[in-house]
Amino acid sequence: MALCRNVETYAAAQVFWTVGSGGIGYIHTVLISDFTSLRNRMIIFALNSTAYIGNAFAGPIVAELFYEHSTFRWAFGSFAIIFPFFGALI
């Protein structure tokens, strides 16, 4: 998405991103359902969703830093560094 030169390419990239993101979320839900008992499942789902609380507060601050000190391409490109790092922690 960071290298899109026109709106058509951006729309196609957005479709791929949405399908991939939805697929990862679905796989995550299935894995949690398989590995937990029915009694503890909602606790694990709640713990899994706590990252969104931090994103609500940190996201706008980081977006403003990218806006003031970098380009939007680096904002997308930084995920090439962030995802493998946090994926390794899991």
C-alpha atoms as a PDB file:
ATOM      1  CA  MET A   1       0.000   0.000   0.000  1.00  0.00           C
ATOM      2  CA  ALA A   2       2.905   2.334   0.627  1.00  0.00           C
ATOM      3  CA  LEU A   3       4.054   2.158  -2.988  1.00  0.00           C
ATOM      4  CA  CYS A   4       0.679   2.658  -4.657  1.00  0.00           C
ATOM      5  CA  ARG A   5       0.802   5.153  -7.493  1.00  0.00           C
ATOM      6  CA  ASN A   6      -2.941   5.415  -8.153  1.00  0.00           C
ATOM      7  CA  VAL A   7      -6.264   4.806  -6.465  1.00  0.00           C
ATOM      8  CA  GLU A   8      -6.921   1.518  -8.289  1.00  0.00           C
ATOM      9  CA  THR A   9      -3.735  -0.041  -6.955  1.00  0.00           C
ATOM     10  CA  TYR A  10      -4.518   1.253  -3.485  1.00  0.00           C
ATOM     11  CA  ALA A  11      -8.021  -0.258  -3.625  1.00  0.00           C
ATOM     12  CA  ALA A  12      -6.610  -3.633  -4.679  1.00  0.00           C
ATOM     13  CA  ALA A  13      -4.024  -3.487  -1.890  1.00  0.00           C
ATOM     14  CA  GLN A  14      -6.752  -2.632   0.616  1.00  0.00           C
ATOM     15  CA  VAL A  15      -8.731  -5.704  -0.477  1.00  0.00           C
ATOM     16  CA  PHE A  16      -5.699  -7.951   0.053  1.00  0.00           C
ATOM     17  CA  TRP A  17      -4.983  -6.370   3.433  1.00  0.00           C
ATOM     18  CA  THR A  18      -8.594  -6.755   4.591  1.00  0.00           C
ATOM     19  CA  VAL A  19      -8.779 -10.402   3.528  1.00  0.00           C
ATOM     20  CA  GLY A  20      -5.447 -11.146   5.218  1.00  0.00           C
ATOM     21  CA  SER A  21      -6.362  -9.332   8.411  1.00  0.00           C
ATOM     22  CA  GLY A  22      -9.720 -11.070   8.606  1.00  0.00           C
ATOM     23  CA  GLY A  23      -8.076 -14.426   7.983  1.00  0.00           C
ATOM     24  CA  ILE A  24      -5.548 -13.905  10.753  1.00  0.00           C
ATOM     25  CA  GLY A  25      -8.317 -12.884  13.138  1.00  0.00           C
ATOM     26  CA  TYR A  26     -10.345 -15.948  12.216  1.00  0.00           C
ATOM     27  CA  ILE A  27      -7.380 -18.297  12.690  1.00  0.00           C
ATOM     28  CA  HIS A  28      -6.626 -16.673  16.026  1.00  0.00           C
ATOM     29  CA  THR A  29     -10.211 -17.204  17.182  1.00  0.00           C
ATOM     30  CA  VAL A  30     -10.184 -20.843  16.088  1.00  0.00           C
ATOM     31  CA  LEU A  31      -6.876 -21.507  17.854  1.00  0.00           C
ATOM     32  CA  ILE A  32      -8.110 -19.937  21.078  1.00  0.00           C
ATOM     33  CA  SER A  33     -11.288 -21.995  20.850  1.00  0.00           C
ATOM     34  CA  ASP A  34      -9.317 -25.200  20.300  1.00  0.00           C
ATOM     35  CA  PHE A  35      -6.768 -24.666  23.065  1.00  0.00           C
ATOM     36  CA  THR A  36      -9.046 -23.470  25.871  1.00  0.00           C
ATOM     37  CA  SER A  37     -11.884 -25.029  27.763  1.00  0.00           C
ATOM     38  CA  LEU A  38     -15.360 -23.602  27.452  1.00  0.00           C
ATOM     39  CA  ARG A  39     -15.162 -22.356  31.016  1.00  0.00           C
ATOM     40  CA  ASN A  40     -12.044 -20.208  30.424  1.00  0.00           C
ATOM     41  CA  ARG A  41     -12.642 -19.209  26.818  1.00  0.00           C
ATOM     42  CA  MET A  42     -14.164 -15.771  27.444  1.00  0.00           C
ATOM     43  CA  ILE A  43     -11.322 -14.849  29.809  1.00  0.00           C
ATOM     44  CA  ILE A  44      -8.775 -15.647  27.108  1.00  0.00           C
ATOM     45  CA  PHE A  45     -10.784 -13.743  24.489  1.00  0.00           C
ATOM     46  CA  ALA A  46     -10.888 -10.741  26.831  1.00  0.00           C
ATOM     47  CA  LEU A  47      -7.132 -10.909  27.457  1.00  0.00           C
ATOM     48  CA  ASN A  48      -6.584 -11.221  23.726  1.00  0.00           C
ATOM     49  CA  SER A  49      -8.491  -7.978  23.131  1.00  0.00           C
ATOM     50  CA  THR A  50      -6.698  -5.865  25.746  1.00  0.00           C
ATOM     51  CA  ALA A  51      -4.130  -4.680  23.198  1.00  0.00           C
ATOM     52  CA  TYR A  52      -6.826  -2.538  21.595  1.00  0.00           C
ATOM     53  CA  ILE A  53      -7.009  -0.443  24.776  1.00  0.00           C
ATOM     54  CA  GLY A  54      -3.381   0.603  24.397  1.00  0.00           C
ATOM     55  CA  ASN A  55      -3.826   1.203  20.689  1.00  0.00           C
ATOM     56  CA  ALA A  56      -6.631   3.660  21.357  1.00  0.00           C
ATOM     57  CA  PHE A  57      -4.258   5.916  23.292  1.00  0.00           C
ATOM     58  CA  ALA A  58      -0.879   5.271  21.640  1.00  0.00           C
ATOM     59  CA  GLY A  59      -2.111   5.163  18.029  1.00  0.00           C
ATOM     60  CA  PRO A  60      -2.891   8.865  17.594  1.00  0.00           C
ATOM     61  CA  ILE A  61       0.410   9.867  19.208  1.00  0.00           C
ATOM     62  CA  VAL A  62       2.443   7.620  16.916  1.00  0.00           C
ATOM     63  CA  ALA A  63       0.431   8.742  13.873  1.00  0.00           C
ATOM     64  CA  GLU A  64       1.146  12.373  14.695  1.00  0.00           C
ATOM     65  CA  LEU A  65       4.877  11.622  15.021  1.00  0.00           C
ATOM     66  CA  PHE A  66       4.871   9.952  11.599  1.00  0.00           C
ATOM     67  CA  TYR A  67       2.936  12.886  10.158  1.00  0.00           C
ATOM     68  CA  GLU A  68       5.340  15.511  11.520  1.00  0.00           C
ATOM     69  CA  HIS A  69       8.699  13.751  11.151  1.00  0.00           C
ATOM     70  CA  SER A  70       8.363  11.189   8.361  1.00  0.00           C
ATOM     71  CA  THR A  71       6.360  10.193   5.297  1.00  0.00           C
ATOM     72  CA  PHE A  72       3.312   7.973   5.030  1.00  0.00           C
ATOM     73  CA  ARG A  73       5.445   5.346   3.280  1.00  0.00           C
ATOM     74  CA  TRP A  74       7.476   4.861   6.457  1.00  0.00           C
ATOM     75  CA  ALA A  75       4.256   4.580   8.437  1.00  0.00           C
ATOM     76  CA  PHE A  76       3.302   1.533   6.347  1.00  0.00           C
ATOM     77  CA  GLY A  77       6.888   0.283   6.023  1.00  0.00           C
ATOM     78  CA  SER A  78       7.422   0.244   9.762  1.00  0.00           C
ATOM     79  CA  PHE A  79       5.068  -2.720  10.002  1.00  0.00           C
ATOM     80  CA  ALA A  80       7.720  -4.780   8.199  1.00  0.00           C
ATOM     81  CA  ILE A  81       9.774  -4.284  11.363  1.00  0.00           C
ATOM     82  CA  ILE A  82       6.999  -4.290  13.970  1.00  0.00           C
ATOM     83  CA  PHE A  83       5.142  -7.467  12.912  1.00  0.00           C
ATOM     84  CA  PRO A  84       8.137  -9.853  12.941  1.00  0.00           C
ATOM     85  CA  PHE A  85       9.334  -8.435  16.270  1.00  0.00           C
ATOM     86  CA  PHE A  86       6.028  -8.867  18.079  1.00  0.00           C
ATOM     87  CA  GLY A  87       5.287 -12.084  16.209  1.00  0.00           C
ATOM     88  CA  ALA A  88       8.495 -13.553  17.608  1.00  0.00           C
ATOM     89  CA  LEU A  89       7.306 -12.707  21.115  1.00  0.00           C
ATOM     90  CA  ILE A  90       4.200 -14.818  20.626  1.00  0.00           C
END
